Amino acid sequence: MSDSTFLLKCVIVLALLFILVAALYPGEEGPWDDFTTALSDAPVFPTFGFTASEASLTLIPVANGTNPPTTAFAEFGSGSGCSTAQWWGCIATQDSGDSYASNSGINEAQSAFSVKLPTFGVGDFHILNVTVEFQCYGNSGTPVRANFGFNATNDTSQFGTAFMPGGEFCLIGTTNGWQNKTAYFIFDIPPLEIPGQLVSLFSGSEMLISNEDSVDLFFSFTKITVVYLIEHFSADVVCGGFDVGCVLNQFFTWVADFALFLVSILIFVAEFFMFVLGVLYAITIGFVATFTFFFSLPGAPAEAQAIISALFLGIVAFMSFILIKVVRGTGSI
């Protein structure tokens, strides 16, 4: 019989004993409750973590876009890099009223201005979502919402637009001052052969900042966080002809995945070891709480209590021996 089977039988016997105790001593179920609580709070069995993972990148405007804002200025000089000729600098630093750009117009299309995002190279991974953090200041009597559309390089069609959550507005600035707001957009994940949702679209893209109304709205800072999915090696990818880049990419992806697989094994083994220790700790604490009751049964005659204490002392000693064997690695689980 393995040690774990013995421990399980001990738990079952203790449960039966406590049923008897509950019948003989109503209201004395506290130690058993402590024992079951200790077991329920034990660590969760670990899962093997070799799955596709998420990564993110942060983008700040680096250049003017096609459409200039209505006004752009720095209240405290040009040292902040903000001017009518360099409006991207007005929304690249989180400085509230020190530098900002405003947009207004007759309609939403006229109120949009744009900035360029930096170029980068992280591979063709699928976009999961994009979050735009920004500072805004309403300059009219009407709360207004802002949108952030993204156009790929040399493309006027938007591949995604981040919206403010429902019920969120840039409020009137006189009372509320500069406000930190967010806009969000979740992308669908299409098959690999559809390139419309790949993170590379954000590289060098143009971001259009617009109002949902014709009122004035001031922006002082925008930070874009793109979350994308890192996929693992796929045997379905076939590199045709002399596509050396594809071959190298597949090879190094396989090497990286194999290394990640080995690391995942080590992490799983470590988590499993901690799981076993956690369970043994919970059982030990539970047993201590349980056995203390049997060492001082309410109303038990001294002779009977002595016999019961001797029996449970032996059980405690034997179970401690089993637990020590398991922890040392000489026992069987």
Protein backbone atom coordinates (compact mmCIF):
# COMPACT_ATOMS: atom_id res chain seq x y z
CA MET A 1 0.00 0.00 0.00
CA SER A 2 1.40 3.41 -0.96
CA ASP A 3 1.82 6.15 1.61
CA SER A 4 -0.73 8.38 -0.12
CA THR A 5 -3.32 5.58 0.07
CA PHE A 6 -2.63 5.26 3.78
CA LEU A 7 -3.09 9.01 4.30
CA LEU A 8 -6.35 8.90 2.37
CA LYS A 9 -7.64 6.07 4.54
CA CYS A 10 -6.64 8.03 7.64
CA VAL A 11 -8.70 10.99 6.46
CA ILE A 12 -11.69 8.68 5.84
CA VAL A 13 -11.32 7.13 9.30
CA LEU A 14 -11.11 10.58 10.88
CA ALA A 15 -14.26 11.60 9.05
CA LEU A 16 -16.09 8.56 10.41
CA LEU A 17 -14.80 9.31 13.89
CA PHE A 18 -16.04 12.85 13.71
CA ILE A 19 -19.44 11.66 12.62
CA LEU A 20 -19.48 9.66 15.82
CA VAL A 21 -18.18 12.64 17.82
CA ALA A 22 -20.81 14.92 16.29
CA ALA A 23 -23.48 12.44 17.39
CA LEU A 24 -22.08 12.15 20.92
CA TYR A 25 -20.99 15.81 21.33
CA PRO A 26 -23.31 18.15 19.36
CA GLY A 27 -21.69 21.48 18.55
CA GLU A 28 -18.09 20.15 18.77
CA GLU A 29 -17.45 19.99 15.00
CA GLY A 30 -14.97 22.90 15.11
CA PRO A 31 -11.76 20.83 14.72
CA TRP A 32 -13.17 18.96 11.74
CA ASP A 33 -14.23 22.25 10.17
CA ASP A 34 -10.68 23.53 10.68
CA PHE A 35 -9.33 20.39 9.03
CA THR A 36 -11.59 20.66 5.97
CA THR A 37 -10.78 24.37 5.67
CA ALA A 38 -7.05 23.60 5.68
CA LEU A 39 -7.53 21.09 2.87
CA SER A 40 -9.77 23.40 0.81
CA ASP A 41 -7.16 26.17 1.08
CA ALA A 42 -4.39 23.92 -0.25
CA PRO A 43 -2.65 24.98 -3.48
CA VAL A 44 -4.30 24.23 -6.82
CA PHE A 45 -2.70 21.52 -8.93
CA PRO A 46 -0.39 23.25 -11.45
CA THR A 47 -1.04 23.28 -15.18
CA PHE A 48 1.54 22.89 -17.90
CA GLY A 49 2.09 26.39 -19.25
CA PHE A 50 3.36 25.81 -22.79
CA THR A 51 0.74 27.85 -24.62
CA ALA A 52 0.64 30.86 -26.86
CA SER A 53 1.52 33.93 -24.83
CA GLU A 54 0.75 37.61 -24.97
CA ALA A 55 3.16 40.48 -25.41
CA SER A 56 2.71 44.23 -25.67
CA LEU A 57 4.44 47.30 -27.02
CA THR A 58 4.00 50.97 -26.19
CA LEU A 59 3.89 53.64 -28.89
CA ILE A 60 4.18 57.42 -28.52
CA PRO A 61 3.69 59.85 -31.46
CA VAL A 62 6.97 60.71 -33.22
CA ALA A 63 5.97 62.84 -36.23
CA ASN A 64 3.21 64.97 -37.76
CA GLY A 65 0.46 63.23 -39.63
CA THR A 66 -1.41 64.38 -42.72
CA ASN A 67 -4.02 66.51 -40.96
CA PRO A 68 -2.92 69.39 -38.67
CA PRO A 69 -4.97 70.34 -35.61
CA THR A 70 -6.94 73.54 -35.42
CA THR A 71 -4.43 75.04 -32.97
CA ALA A 72 -1.25 73.79 -31.34
CA PHE A 73 0.87 75.70 -28.88
CA ALA A 74 2.94 75.44 -25.72
CA GLU A 75 1.90 77.83 -23.02
CA PHE A 76 5.35 77.93 -21.41
CA GLY A 77 7.61 78.24 -24.44
CA SER A 78 8.83 75.97 -27.21
CA GLY A 79 11.15 73.90 -25.02
CA SER A 80 8.52 71.17 -24.77
CA GLY A 81 8.76 70.53 -28.52
CA CYS A 82 5.22 71.73 -29.20
CA SER A 83 4.40 74.22 -31.96
CA THR A 84 2.03 74.72 -34.85
CA ALA A 85 4.70 73.20 -37.10
CA GLN A 86 5.38 70.25 -34.78
CA TRP A 87 2.01 69.37 -33.33
CA TRP A 88 2.95 65.76 -32.60
CA GLY A 89 5.20 67.06 -29.81
CA CYS A 90 2.17 68.63 -28.15
CA ILE A 91 0.68 65.22 -27.36
CA ALA A 92 3.89 63.23 -26.80
CA THR A 93 4.51 64.32 -23.21
CA GLN A 94 2.23 63.95 -20.19
CA ASP A 95 2.35 67.55 -19.06
CA SER A 96 -1.32 68.57 -19.03
CA GLY A 97 -1.59 72.27 -19.87
CA ASP A 98 2.10 72.86 -20.63
CA SER A 99 1.69 71.68 -24.21
CA TYR A 100 -1.41 70.53 -26.01
CA ALA A 101 -3.26 70.50 -29.31
CA SER A 102 -6.92 71.25 -29.88
CA ASN A 103 -9.30 70.23 -32.60
CA SER A 104 -12.68 71.67 -33.55
CA GLY A 105 -14.74 72.00 -36.65
CA ILE A 106 -18.14 71.98 -38.22
CA ASN A 107 -18.33 68.20 -38.15
CA GLU A 108 -16.40 65.17 -36.96
CA ALA A 109 -14.36 64.81 -40.15
CA GLN A 110 -13.12 68.41 -39.99
CA SER A 111 -12.19 68.11 -36.33
CA ALA A 112 -9.76 65.21 -36.85
CA PHE A 113 -5.99 65.68 -36.78
CA SER A 114 -3.34 63.02 -37.13
CA VAL A 115 0.11 62.01 -35.91
CA LYS A 116 2.60 59.33 -36.94
CA LEU A 117 3.54 56.40 -34.71
CA PRO A 118 7.09 54.97 -34.60
CA THR A 119 8.25 52.10 -36.77
CA PHE A 120 9.23 48.78 -35.18
CA GLY A 121 9.84 45.14 -36.04
CA VAL A 122 8.40 42.40 -33.85
CA GLY A 123 7.12 39.91 -36.43
CA ASP A 124 3.72 39.29 -37.94
CA PHE A 125 1.75 38.48 -34.82
CA HIS A 126 -2.00 38.85 -34.43
CA ILE A 127 -3.28 41.94 -32.60
CA LEU A 128 -5.47 41.24 -29.58
CA ASN A 129 -6.37 44.77 -28.50
CA VAL A 130 -5.19 48.36 -28.44
CA THR A 131 -5.56 50.84 -25.58
CA VAL A 132 -5.10 54.59 -25.93
CA GLU A 133 -4.37 56.52 -22.73
CA PHE A 134 -4.78 60.26 -23.15
CA GLN A 135 -5.29 63.55 -21.35
CA CYS A 136 -8.18 65.75 -22.45
CA TYR A 137 -9.76 69.05 -21.55
CA GLY A 138 -13.25 70.09 -22.67
CA ASN A 139 -13.46 73.74 -23.70
CA SER A 140 -17.19 73.96 -24.25
CA GLY A 141 -20.33 73.50 -22.23
CA THR A 142 -20.90 70.00 -23.59
CA PRO A 143 -19.08 66.80 -22.53
CA VAL A 144 -17.57 65.17 -25.60
CA ARG A 145 -16.10 61.81 -26.55
CA ALA A 146 -12.91 61.20 -28.52
CA ASN A 147 -12.05 58.49 -31.06
CA PHE A 148 -8.66 57.24 -32.24
CA GLY A 149 -8.49 55.68 -35.68
CA PHE A 150 -5.45 53.89 -37.09
CA ASN A 151 -4.39 53.89 -40.73
CA ALA A 152 -1.61 51.63 -41.99
CA THR A 153 1.37 53.23 -43.76
CA ASN A 154 0.37 54.58 -47.21
CA ASP A 155 -3.23 53.51 -46.62
CA THR A 156 -6.17 55.83 -45.95
CA SER A 157 -8.51 53.07 -44.73
CA GLN A 158 -8.66 52.48 -40.99
CA PHE A 159 -7.84 48.99 -39.71
CA GLY A 160 -9.09 49.80 -36.20
CA THR A 161 -10.65 52.55 -34.12
CA ALA A 162 -10.39 52.89 -30.34
CA PHE A 163 -13.49 54.26 -28.62
CA MET A 164 -14.03 55.55 -25.11
CA PRO A 165 -16.12 53.19 -22.94
CA GLY A 166 -19.83 53.86 -22.72
CA GLY A 167 -20.64 56.63 -20.28
CA GLU A 168 -17.11 58.11 -20.42
CA PHE A 169 -16.61 61.69 -21.63
CA CYS A 170 -14.04 64.45 -21.64
CA LEU A 171 -15.79 66.80 -19.24
CA ILE A 172 -15.90 70.58 -19.16
CA GLY A 173 -12.42 71.77 -18.26
CA THR A 174 -13.16 74.81 -16.07
CA THR A 175 -14.31 72.62 -13.20
CA ASN A 176 -12.74 69.28 -14.00
CA GLY A 177 -9.34 70.37 -15.36
CA TRP A 178 -7.21 67.96 -17.35
CA GLN A 179 -8.53 64.42 -17.17
CA ASN A 180 -6.85 61.05 -17.76
CA LYS A 181 -9.03 58.92 -20.04
CA THR A 182 -8.74 55.72 -22.05
CA ALA A 183 -10.09 54.40 -25.33
CA TYR A 184 -10.11 50.72 -26.25
CA PHE A 185 -10.58 48.38 -29.20
CA ILE A 186 -10.58 44.56 -29.42
CA PHE A 187 -9.46 42.96 -32.67
CA ASP A 188 -10.78 39.73 -34.12
CA ILE A 189 -8.21 37.00 -34.76
CA PRO A 190 -8.63 35.81 -38.39
CA PRO A 191 -6.74 33.00 -40.15
CA LEU A 192 -3.05 33.54 -40.83
CA GLU A 193 -3.57 34.24 -44.53
CA ILE A 194 -5.55 37.40 -43.73
CA PRO A 195 -3.01 40.17 -43.00
CA GLY A 196 -5.52 42.75 -41.81
CA GLN A 197 -5.05 42.11 -38.08
CA LEU A 198 -1.27 41.82 -37.72
CA VAL A 199 0.68 43.96 -35.29
CA SER A 200 3.01 45.15 -38.07
CA LEU A 201 0.15 47.39 -39.26
CA PHE A 202 0.88 49.71 -36.33
CA SER A 203 4.50 50.21 -37.45
CA GLY A 204 4.70 53.74 -38.85
CA SER A 205 0.92 54.00 -38.90
CA GLU A 206 -1.06 57.23 -38.73
CA MET A 207 -3.40 57.86 -35.81
CA LEU A 208 -6.41 60.13 -36.40
CA ILE A 209 -7.72 61.91 -33.31
CA SER A 210 -11.29 63.12 -33.64
CA ASN A 211 -14.30 64.31 -31.66
CA GLU A 212 -17.77 62.86 -31.83
CA ASP A 213 -19.10 66.40 -31.98
CA SER A 214 -18.09 69.76 -33.44
CA VAL A 215 -17.11 71.27 -30.06
CA ASP A 216 -13.55 72.14 -29.02
CA LEU A 217 -11.48 69.45 -27.33
CA PHE A 218 -7.88 69.73 -26.16
CA PHE A 219 -5.38 66.85 -26.03
CA SER A 220 -2.13 66.93 -24.07
CA PHE A 221 -0.88 63.34 -24.16
CA THR A 222 -1.52 60.06 -25.96
CA LYS A 223 0.08 56.68 -25.27
CA ILE A 224 -0.85 53.64 -27.32
CA THR A 225 -0.45 50.10 -25.93
CA VAL A 226 -0.82 47.26 -28.41
CA VAL A 227 -1.28 43.72 -27.06
CA TYR A 228 -0.57 40.90 -29.51
CA LEU A 229 -0.43 37.12 -29.53
CA ILE A 230 2.92 35.35 -29.80
CA GLU A 231 2.27 32.13 -31.73
CA HIS A 232 4.41 29.04 -31.59
CA PHE A 233 5.96 26.98 -34.36
CA SER A 234 3.45 25.67 -36.90
CA ALA A 235 4.14 22.64 -39.08
CA ASP A 236 1.49 23.93 -41.49
CA VAL A 237 3.80 26.70 -42.73
CA VAL A 238 5.46 25.63 -45.99
CA CYS A 239 8.39 27.70 -47.23
CA GLY A 240 8.41 27.66 -51.01
CA GLY A 241 11.34 27.94 -53.38
CA PHE A 242 14.42 29.63 -52.01
CA ASP A 243 12.65 31.57 -49.29
CA VAL A 244 15.61 31.60 -46.90
CA GLY A 245 13.93 34.08 -44.57
CA CYS A 246 10.94 31.78 -44.11
CA VAL A 247 13.19 28.77 -43.48
CA LEU A 248 15.31 30.63 -40.91
CA ASN A 249 12.22 32.00 -39.23
CA GLN A 250 10.71 28.52 -38.94
CA PHE A 251 13.98 27.04 -37.66
CA PHE A 252 14.61 29.64 -34.98
CA THR A 253 10.93 29.63 -34.00
CA TRP A 254 11.22 25.88 -33.44
CA VAL A 255 14.43 26.37 -31.41
CA ALA A 256 12.79 29.08 -29.32
CA ASP A 257 9.70 26.94 -28.77
CA PHE A 258 11.84 23.95 -27.75
CA ALA A 259 13.72 26.10 -25.24
CA LEU A 260 10.40 27.45 -23.95
CA PHE A 261 9.15 23.86 -23.69
CA LEU A 262 12.14 22.88 -21.51
CA VAL A 263 11.67 25.95 -19.32
CA SER A 264 7.95 25.13 -19.02
CA ILE A 265 8.86 21.63 -17.82
CA LEU A 266 11.16 23.03 -15.13
CA ILE A 267 8.49 25.50 -14.02
CA PHE A 268 5.87 22.75 -13.92
CA VAL A 269 8.13 20.47 -11.84
CA ALA A 270 8.86 23.30 -9.41
CA GLU A 271 5.15 24.19 -9.13
CA PHE A 272 4.27 20.52 -8.63
CA PHE A 273 6.85 20.25 -5.84
CA MET A 274 5.39 23.35 -4.18
CA PHE A 275 1.92 21.87 -4.65
CA VAL A 276 2.93 18.68 -2.84
CA LEU A 277 4.52 20.66 -0.01
CA GLY A 278 1.43 22.84 0.25
CA VAL A 279 -0.89 19.85 0.44
CA LEU A 280 1.30 18.14 3.04
CA TYR A 281 1.41 21.36 5.05
CA ALA A 282 -2.38 21.70 4.89
CA ILE A 283 -2.84 18.06 5.94
CA THR A 284 -0.39 18.48 8.81
CA ILE A 285 -2.09 21.64 10.10
CA GLY A 286 -5.47 19.99 9.68
CA PHE A 287 -4.41 16.87 11.54
CA VAL A 288 -3.00 18.93 14.41
CA ALA A 289 -6.29 20.82 14.71
CA THR A 290 -8.18 17.54 14.54
CA PHE A 291 -6.11 15.51 16.98
CA THR A 292 -6.14 18.19 19.66
CA PHE A 293 -9.83 17.48 20.11
CA PHE A 294 -9.26 13.76 20.72
CA PHE A 295 -6.57 14.48 23.33
CA SER A 296 -9.17 16.26 25.46
CA LEU A 297 -12.61 14.76 24.81
CA PRO A 298 -15.25 16.68 26.79
CA GLY A 299 -16.54 14.63 29.72
CA ALA A 300 -14.47 11.52 28.95
CA PRO A 301 -13.38 9.42 31.97
CA ALA A 302 -9.68 9.72 32.78
CA GLU A 303 -9.01 6.05 31.97
CA ALA A 304 -10.79 6.27 28.60
CA GLN A 305 -9.05 9.55 27.77
CA ALA A 306 -5.66 8.01 28.55
CA ILE A 307 -6.33 5.08 26.20
CA ILE A 308 -7.61 7.36 23.42
CA SER A 309 -4.66 9.74 23.84
CA ALA A 310 -2.20 6.84 23.64
CA LEU A 311 -3.85 5.52 20.47
CA PHE A 312 -3.88 8.92 18.77
CA LEU A 313 -0.34 9.67 19.88
CA GLY A 314 0.75 6.54 18.04
CA ILE A 315 -1.25 7.58 14.97
CA VAL A 316 0.33 11.04 15.05
CA ALA A 317 3.82 9.55 15.35
CA PHE A 318 3.22 7.10 12.49
CA MET A 319 1.67 9.74 10.18
CA SER A 320 4.52 12.13 10.95
CA PHE A 321 6.93 9.38 9.93
CA ILE A 322 5.02 8.90 6.65
CA LEU A 323 5.01 12.64 5.92
CA ILE A 324 8.74 12.91 6.61
CA LYS A 325 9.37 10.01 4.22
CA VAL A 326 7.36 11.73 1.49
CA VAL A 327 9.13 15.08 1.99
CA ARG A 328 12.56 13.37 1.94
CA GLY A 329 11.60 11.52 -1.23
CA THR A 330 11.86 8.03 0.25
CA GLY A 331 8.13 7.43 0.41
CA SER A 332 5.70 6.55 -2.38
CA ILE A 333 2.97 8.92 -3.45
